[in-house]
Amino acid sequence: KLTGISEPVTIKTSGSRFGSWMMDPVAPSGDNRVWYMDGYHNNRFVREYQSMYDFMTTDNFTSHRLPHPWSGTGQVVNKGSIYYNKFQSHTIIKFEFSTSLISRSRQLDFAGYKNM
């Protein structure tokens, strides 16, 4: 339930103009990890920070290498996995951080990519 909207607050600035950061909405209580992806496309690395403070100070992180680079900024972390758009394709990938493996992928026929 949306309870309100406030003025924008800068949490962190980065070297890249585009990117995304997120938290797992169904993480267990006390799990405050932040997941960060720098850039818009053709990158394979996701940083896992242990807390919002660590994210803000760029401290205490683990770097995960994805099997395929991503495209866009619409990634989602849910139940310990990240869902992302495979670079230059219309394929969505589910990558599990605990196993470092792709557990599912699906081609979205007729979905646009590369601004098409």
N, C-alpha and C. Protein backbone atom coordinates (compact mmCIF):
# COMPACT_ATOMS: atom_id res chain seq x y z
N LYS A 1 0.84 -1.17 0.00
CA LYS A 1 0.00 0.00 0.00
C LYS A 1 0.89 1.24 0.00
N LEU A 2 0.69 2.09 -0.96
CA LEU A 2 1.42 3.35 -1.03
C LEU A 2 0.84 4.30 0.01
N THR A 3 1.70 4.81 0.87
CA THR A 3 1.21 5.67 1.95
C THR A 3 1.54 7.13 1.75
N GLY A 4 2.42 7.44 0.80
CA GLY A 4 2.74 8.83 0.55
C GLY A 4 3.90 8.97 -0.40
N ILE A 5 4.06 10.18 -0.89
CA ILE A 5 5.16 10.51 -1.78
C ILE A 5 5.83 11.77 -1.24
N SER A 6 7.16 11.72 -1.16
CA SER A 6 7.89 12.87 -0.63
C SER A 6 8.80 13.44 -1.70
N GLU A 7 9.52 14.46 -1.34
CA GLU A 7 10.52 15.03 -2.24
C GLU A 7 11.61 13.99 -2.49
N PRO A 8 12.27 14.03 -3.64
CA PRO A 8 13.37 13.09 -3.90
C PRO A 8 14.50 13.25 -2.90
N VAL A 9 15.13 12.14 -2.56
CA VAL A 9 16.25 12.12 -1.64
C VAL A 9 17.40 11.39 -2.34
N THR A 10 18.57 12.01 -2.38
CA THR A 10 19.74 11.35 -2.97
C THR A 10 20.34 10.41 -1.94
N ILE A 11 20.34 9.12 -2.27
CA ILE A 11 20.92 8.11 -1.39
C ILE A 11 22.40 7.95 -1.71
N LYS A 12 22.72 7.94 -3.01
CA LYS A 12 24.10 7.73 -3.44
C LYS A 12 24.25 8.24 -4.86
N THR A 13 25.42 8.77 -5.17
CA THR A 13 25.75 9.10 -6.55
C THR A 13 26.80 8.10 -7.01
N SER A 14 26.86 7.90 -8.31
CA SER A 14 27.83 6.94 -8.84
C SER A 14 28.53 7.53 -10.05
N GLY A 15 29.50 6.82 -10.55
CA GLY A 15 30.25 7.29 -11.70
C GLY A 15 29.47 7.22 -12.99
N SER A 16 28.45 6.41 -13.01
CA SER A 16 27.67 6.19 -14.22
C SER A 16 26.36 6.97 -14.15
N ARG A 17 25.89 7.40 -15.29
CA ARG A 17 24.64 8.16 -15.33
C ARG A 17 23.42 7.26 -15.13
N PHE A 18 23.55 6.00 -15.51
CA PHE A 18 22.44 5.06 -15.41
C PHE A 18 22.82 3.90 -14.50
N GLY A 19 21.83 3.23 -14.00
CA GLY A 19 22.05 2.06 -13.16
C GLY A 19 20.82 1.80 -12.33
N SER A 20 20.91 0.83 -11.46
CA SER A 20 19.78 0.53 -10.58
C SER A 20 20.29 -0.04 -9.26
N TRP A 21 19.52 0.20 -8.22
CA TRP A 21 19.79 -0.42 -6.94
C TRP A 21 18.45 -0.85 -6.36
N MET A 22 18.48 -1.92 -5.60
CA MET A 22 17.23 -2.49 -5.10
C MET A 22 17.49 -3.32 -3.86
N MET A 23 16.40 -3.61 -3.15
CA MET A 23 16.42 -4.52 -2.02
C MET A 23 15.39 -5.61 -2.31
N ASP A 24 15.60 -6.77 -1.72
CA ASP A 24 14.67 -7.88 -1.90
C ASP A 24 13.43 -7.64 -1.04
N PRO A 25 12.25 -7.48 -1.65
CA PRO A 25 11.06 -7.16 -0.86
C PRO A 25 10.59 -8.29 0.04
N VAL A 26 11.04 -9.51 -0.18
CA VAL A 26 10.62 -10.63 0.66
C VAL A 26 11.80 -11.22 1.45
N ALA A 27 12.85 -10.44 1.62
CA ALA A 27 14.00 -10.90 2.41
C ALA A 27 13.57 -11.07 3.87
N PRO A 28 14.18 -12.02 4.57
CA PRO A 28 13.84 -12.20 5.98
C PRO A 28 14.13 -10.94 6.79
N SER A 29 13.45 -10.82 7.90
CA SER A 29 13.66 -9.68 8.79
C SER A 29 15.14 -9.59 9.17
N GLY A 30 15.69 -8.39 9.08
CA GLY A 30 17.10 -8.19 9.41
C GLY A 30 18.03 -8.30 8.22
N ASP A 31 17.53 -8.82 7.10
CA ASP A 31 18.33 -8.90 5.87
C ASP A 31 18.14 -7.58 5.13
N ASN A 32 19.12 -6.71 5.24
CA ASN A 32 19.03 -5.37 4.66
C ASN A 32 19.97 -5.17 3.48
N ARG A 33 20.27 -6.26 2.78
CA ARG A 33 21.20 -6.17 1.66
C ARG A 33 20.65 -5.27 0.55
N VAL A 34 21.58 -4.60 -0.10
CA VAL A 34 21.26 -3.74 -1.25
C VAL A 34 22.01 -4.30 -2.44
N TRP A 35 21.32 -4.40 -3.57
CA TRP A 35 21.90 -4.92 -4.80
C TRP A 35 22.05 -3.75 -5.76
N TYR A 36 23.24 -3.64 -6.37
CA TYR A 36 23.54 -2.48 -7.21
C TYR A 36 24.10 -2.93 -8.56
N MET A 37 23.56 -2.34 -9.63
CA MET A 37 24.02 -2.62 -10.99
C MET A 37 24.36 -1.29 -11.64
N ASP A 38 25.61 -1.11 -11.98
CA ASP A 38 26.09 0.15 -12.54
C ASP A 38 25.99 0.13 -14.06
N GLY A 39 25.39 1.15 -14.61
CA GLY A 39 25.30 1.28 -16.06
C GLY A 39 23.97 0.83 -16.62
N TYR A 40 23.88 0.92 -17.92
CA TYR A 40 22.64 0.65 -18.63
C TYR A 40 22.69 -0.66 -19.42
N HIS A 41 23.88 -1.04 -19.87
CA HIS A 41 23.95 -2.25 -20.69
C HIS A 41 25.38 -2.81 -20.75
N ASN A 42 25.44 -4.07 -21.18
CA ASN A 42 26.70 -4.76 -21.46
C ASN A 42 27.63 -4.81 -20.25
N ASN A 43 27.07 -5.04 -19.08
CA ASN A 43 27.83 -5.22 -17.86
C ASN A 43 27.37 -6.53 -17.24
N ARG A 44 28.26 -7.22 -16.55
CA ARG A 44 27.92 -8.52 -15.97
C ARG A 44 27.98 -8.54 -14.44
N PHE A 45 28.32 -7.43 -13.81
CA PHE A 45 28.58 -7.47 -12.38
C PHE A 45 27.47 -6.81 -11.56
N VAL A 46 27.09 -7.52 -10.49
CA VAL A 46 26.12 -7.02 -9.52
C VAL A 46 26.84 -6.96 -8.19
N ARG A 47 26.75 -5.82 -7.53
CA ARG A 47 27.34 -5.69 -6.20
C ARG A 47 26.26 -5.94 -5.15
N GLU A 48 26.63 -6.72 -4.16
CA GLU A 48 25.76 -7.01 -3.03
C GLU A 48 26.36 -6.34 -1.80
N TYR A 49 25.67 -5.33 -1.28
CA TYR A 49 26.10 -4.63 -0.07
C TYR A 49 25.32 -5.19 1.11
N GLN A 50 25.96 -5.26 2.26
CA GLN A 50 25.32 -5.85 3.44
C GLN A 50 24.27 -4.95 4.09
N SER A 51 24.33 -3.65 3.81
CA SER A 51 23.38 -2.72 4.42
C SER A 51 23.28 -1.46 3.57
N MET A 52 22.30 -0.66 3.85
CA MET A 52 22.15 0.62 3.16
C MET A 52 23.35 1.52 3.46
N TYR A 53 23.84 1.46 4.69
CA TYR A 53 25.02 2.26 5.04
C TYR A 53 26.23 1.84 4.20
N ASP A 54 26.44 0.54 4.07
CA ASP A 54 27.56 0.05 3.25
C ASP A 54 27.40 0.49 1.80
N PHE A 55 26.19 0.45 1.30
CA PHE A 55 25.93 0.91 -0.07
C PHE A 55 26.27 2.39 -0.21
N MET A 56 25.84 3.19 0.75
CA MET A 56 26.07 4.64 0.68
C MET A 56 27.56 4.98 0.78
N THR A 57 28.32 4.16 1.50
CA THR A 57 29.75 4.42 1.67
C THR A 57 30.63 3.58 0.74
N THR A 58 30.00 2.79 -0.12
CA THR A 58 30.70 1.89 -1.05
C THR A 58 31.68 0.99 -0.30
N ASP A 59 31.17 0.35 0.75
CA ASP A 59 32.00 -0.47 1.62
C ASP A 59 31.33 -1.83 1.81
N ASN A 60 32.12 -2.85 2.15
CA ASN A 60 31.60 -4.16 2.53
C ASN A 60 30.66 -4.74 1.48
N PHE A 61 31.20 -5.05 0.31
CA PHE A 61 30.36 -5.62 -0.74
C PHE A 61 30.99 -6.87 -1.35
N THR A 62 30.14 -7.67 -1.96
CA THR A 62 30.54 -8.84 -2.73
C THR A 62 30.13 -8.58 -4.17
N SER A 63 30.97 -8.95 -5.10
CA SER A 63 30.66 -8.76 -6.51
C SER A 63 30.27 -10.10 -7.12
N HIS A 64 29.11 -10.14 -7.77
CA HIS A 64 28.62 -11.34 -8.44
C HIS A 64 28.75 -11.14 -9.95
N ARG A 65 29.29 -12.14 -10.64
CA ARG A 65 29.43 -12.08 -12.10
C ARG A 65 28.29 -12.87 -12.73
N LEU A 66 27.48 -12.19 -13.51
CA LEU A 66 26.37 -12.84 -14.20
C LEU A 66 26.89 -13.59 -15.43
N PRO A 67 26.22 -14.67 -15.83
CA PRO A 67 26.67 -15.42 -17.01
C PRO A 67 26.47 -14.67 -18.32
N HIS A 68 25.54 -13.73 -18.34
CA HIS A 68 25.29 -12.91 -19.53
C HIS A 68 25.16 -11.46 -19.09
N PRO A 69 25.61 -10.51 -19.90
CA PRO A 69 25.42 -9.10 -19.56
C PRO A 69 23.95 -8.71 -19.63
N TRP A 70 23.60 -7.62 -18.96
CA TRP A 70 22.22 -7.15 -18.96
C TRP A 70 22.05 -5.96 -19.87
N SER A 71 20.78 -5.60 -20.05
CA SER A 71 20.43 -4.39 -20.79
C SER A 71 19.27 -3.73 -20.06
N GLY A 72 19.30 -2.42 -19.95
CA GLY A 72 18.23 -1.68 -19.30
C GLY A 72 18.45 -1.52 -17.81
N THR A 73 17.42 -0.95 -17.16
CA THR A 73 17.50 -0.72 -15.72
C THR A 73 16.29 -1.30 -14.99
N GLY A 74 15.62 -2.25 -15.60
CA GLY A 74 14.41 -2.81 -15.00
C GLY A 74 14.63 -4.10 -14.24
N GLN A 75 15.79 -4.28 -13.65
CA GLN A 75 16.08 -5.50 -12.91
C GLN A 75 15.29 -5.55 -11.61
N VAL A 76 15.08 -6.78 -11.12
CA VAL A 76 14.37 -6.98 -9.87
C VAL A 76 15.07 -8.09 -9.09
N VAL A 77 15.26 -7.88 -7.79
CA VAL A 77 15.72 -8.95 -6.91
C VAL A 77 14.51 -9.42 -6.12
N ASN A 78 14.28 -10.73 -6.12
CA ASN A 78 13.14 -11.30 -5.42
C ASN A 78 13.49 -12.71 -4.96
N LYS A 79 13.31 -12.97 -3.68
CA LYS A 79 13.57 -14.29 -3.09
C LYS A 79 14.98 -14.79 -3.40
N GLY A 80 15.95 -13.90 -3.32
CA GLY A 80 17.34 -14.29 -3.48
C GLY A 80 17.81 -14.49 -4.91
N SER A 81 16.98 -14.12 -5.87
CA SER A 81 17.35 -14.23 -7.29
C SER A 81 17.18 -12.87 -7.95
N ILE A 82 17.93 -12.68 -9.03
CA ILE A 82 17.76 -11.46 -9.81
C ILE A 82 17.17 -11.82 -11.16
N TYR A 83 16.23 -11.02 -11.59
CA TYR A 83 15.60 -11.16 -12.90
C TYR A 83 16.09 -9.99 -13.74
N TYR A 84 16.61 -10.31 -14.92
CA TYR A 84 17.13 -9.23 -15.76
C TYR A 84 16.99 -9.57 -17.23
N ASN A 85 17.06 -8.54 -18.06
CA ASN A 85 16.97 -8.66 -19.51
C ASN A 85 18.37 -8.93 -20.07
N LYS A 86 18.54 -10.05 -20.74
CA LYS A 86 19.82 -10.39 -21.37
C LYS A 86 20.12 -9.37 -22.47
N PHE A 87 21.35 -8.89 -22.49
CA PHE A 87 21.80 -7.87 -23.43
C PHE A 87 21.52 -8.29 -24.88
N GLN A 88 20.99 -7.36 -25.65
CA GLN A 88 20.67 -7.51 -27.07
C GLN A 88 19.80 -8.74 -27.36
N SER A 89 18.80 -8.93 -26.52
CA SER A 89 17.87 -10.05 -26.74
C SER A 89 16.53 -9.71 -26.10
N HIS A 90 15.56 -10.55 -26.36
CA HIS A 90 14.29 -10.42 -25.66
C HIS A 90 14.12 -11.61 -24.71
N THR A 91 15.21 -11.92 -24.02
CA THR A 91 15.23 -13.03 -23.06
C THR A 91 15.35 -12.48 -21.64
N ILE A 92 14.48 -12.97 -20.76
CA ILE A 92 14.53 -12.64 -19.34
C ILE A 92 15.23 -13.80 -18.63
N ILE A 93 16.15 -13.47 -17.75
CA ILE A 93 16.93 -14.48 -17.03
C ILE A 93 16.66 -14.37 -15.53
N LYS A 94 16.51 -15.53 -14.90
CA LYS A 94 16.44 -15.61 -13.44
C LYS A 94 17.76 -16.24 -12.98
N PHE A 95 18.55 -15.47 -12.25
CA PHE A 95 19.85 -15.91 -11.76
C PHE A 95 19.80 -16.00 -10.25
N GLU A 96 20.14 -17.17 -9.71
CA GLU A 96 20.12 -17.37 -8.27
C GLU A 96 21.48 -17.05 -7.67
N PHE A 97 21.50 -16.12 -6.73
CA PHE A 97 22.76 -15.72 -6.11
C PHE A 97 23.36 -16.86 -5.28
N SER A 98 22.52 -17.68 -4.64
CA SER A 98 23.03 -18.74 -3.75
C SER A 98 23.80 -19.82 -4.50
N THR A 99 23.45 -20.08 -5.76
CA THR A 99 24.11 -21.12 -6.55
C THR A 99 24.97 -20.56 -7.67
N SER A 100 24.83 -19.28 -7.94
CA SER A 100 25.51 -18.61 -9.08
C SER A 100 25.16 -19.28 -10.41
N LEU A 101 23.90 -19.70 -10.52
CA LEU A 101 23.42 -20.36 -11.73
C LEU A 101 22.13 -19.73 -12.24
N ILE A 102 21.91 -19.86 -13.54
CA ILE A 102 20.62 -19.48 -14.12
C ILE A 102 19.63 -20.59 -13.78
N SER A 103 18.55 -20.26 -13.11
CA SER A 103 17.56 -21.28 -12.80
C SER A 103 16.41 -21.29 -13.81
N ARG A 104 16.22 -20.17 -14.48
CA ARG A 104 15.19 -20.10 -15.53
C ARG A 104 15.56 -19.01 -16.51
N SER A 105 15.08 -19.17 -17.72
CA SER A 105 15.16 -18.10 -18.70
C SER A 105 13.98 -18.28 -19.65
N ARG A 106 13.56 -17.17 -20.19
CA ARG A 106 12.41 -17.24 -21.08
C ARG A 106 12.52 -16.17 -22.14
N GLN A 107 12.31 -16.58 -23.36
CA GLN A 107 12.28 -15.64 -24.47
C GLN A 107 10.88 -15.03 -24.54
N LEU A 108 10.82 -13.73 -24.62
CA LEU A 108 9.55 -13.02 -24.73
C LEU A 108 9.34 -12.65 -26.20
N ASP A 109 8.66 -13.53 -26.91
CA ASP A 109 8.41 -13.28 -28.33
C ASP A 109 7.72 -11.94 -28.52
N PHE A 110 8.16 -11.23 -29.50
CA PHE A 110 7.61 -9.93 -29.90
C PHE A 110 7.95 -8.79 -28.94
N ALA A 111 8.72 -9.07 -27.89
CA ALA A 111 9.16 -7.99 -27.00
C ALA A 111 10.25 -7.19 -27.69
N GLY A 112 10.18 -5.89 -27.58
CA GLY A 112 11.19 -5.04 -28.21
C GLY A 112 12.46 -4.97 -27.39
N TYR A 113 13.55 -4.74 -28.06
CA TYR A 113 14.83 -4.48 -27.41
C TYR A 113 15.67 -3.67 -28.39
N LYS A 114 16.72 -3.05 -27.89
CA LYS A 114 17.55 -2.15 -28.70
C LYS A 114 16.71 -1.02 -29.30
N ASN A 115 15.77 -0.50 -28.50
CA ASN A 115 14.87 0.59 -28.91
C ASN A 115 14.02 0.23 -30.12
N MET A 116 13.68 -1.03 -30.27
CA MET A 116 12.83 -1.46 -31.38
C MET A 116 11.55 -2.07 -30.85
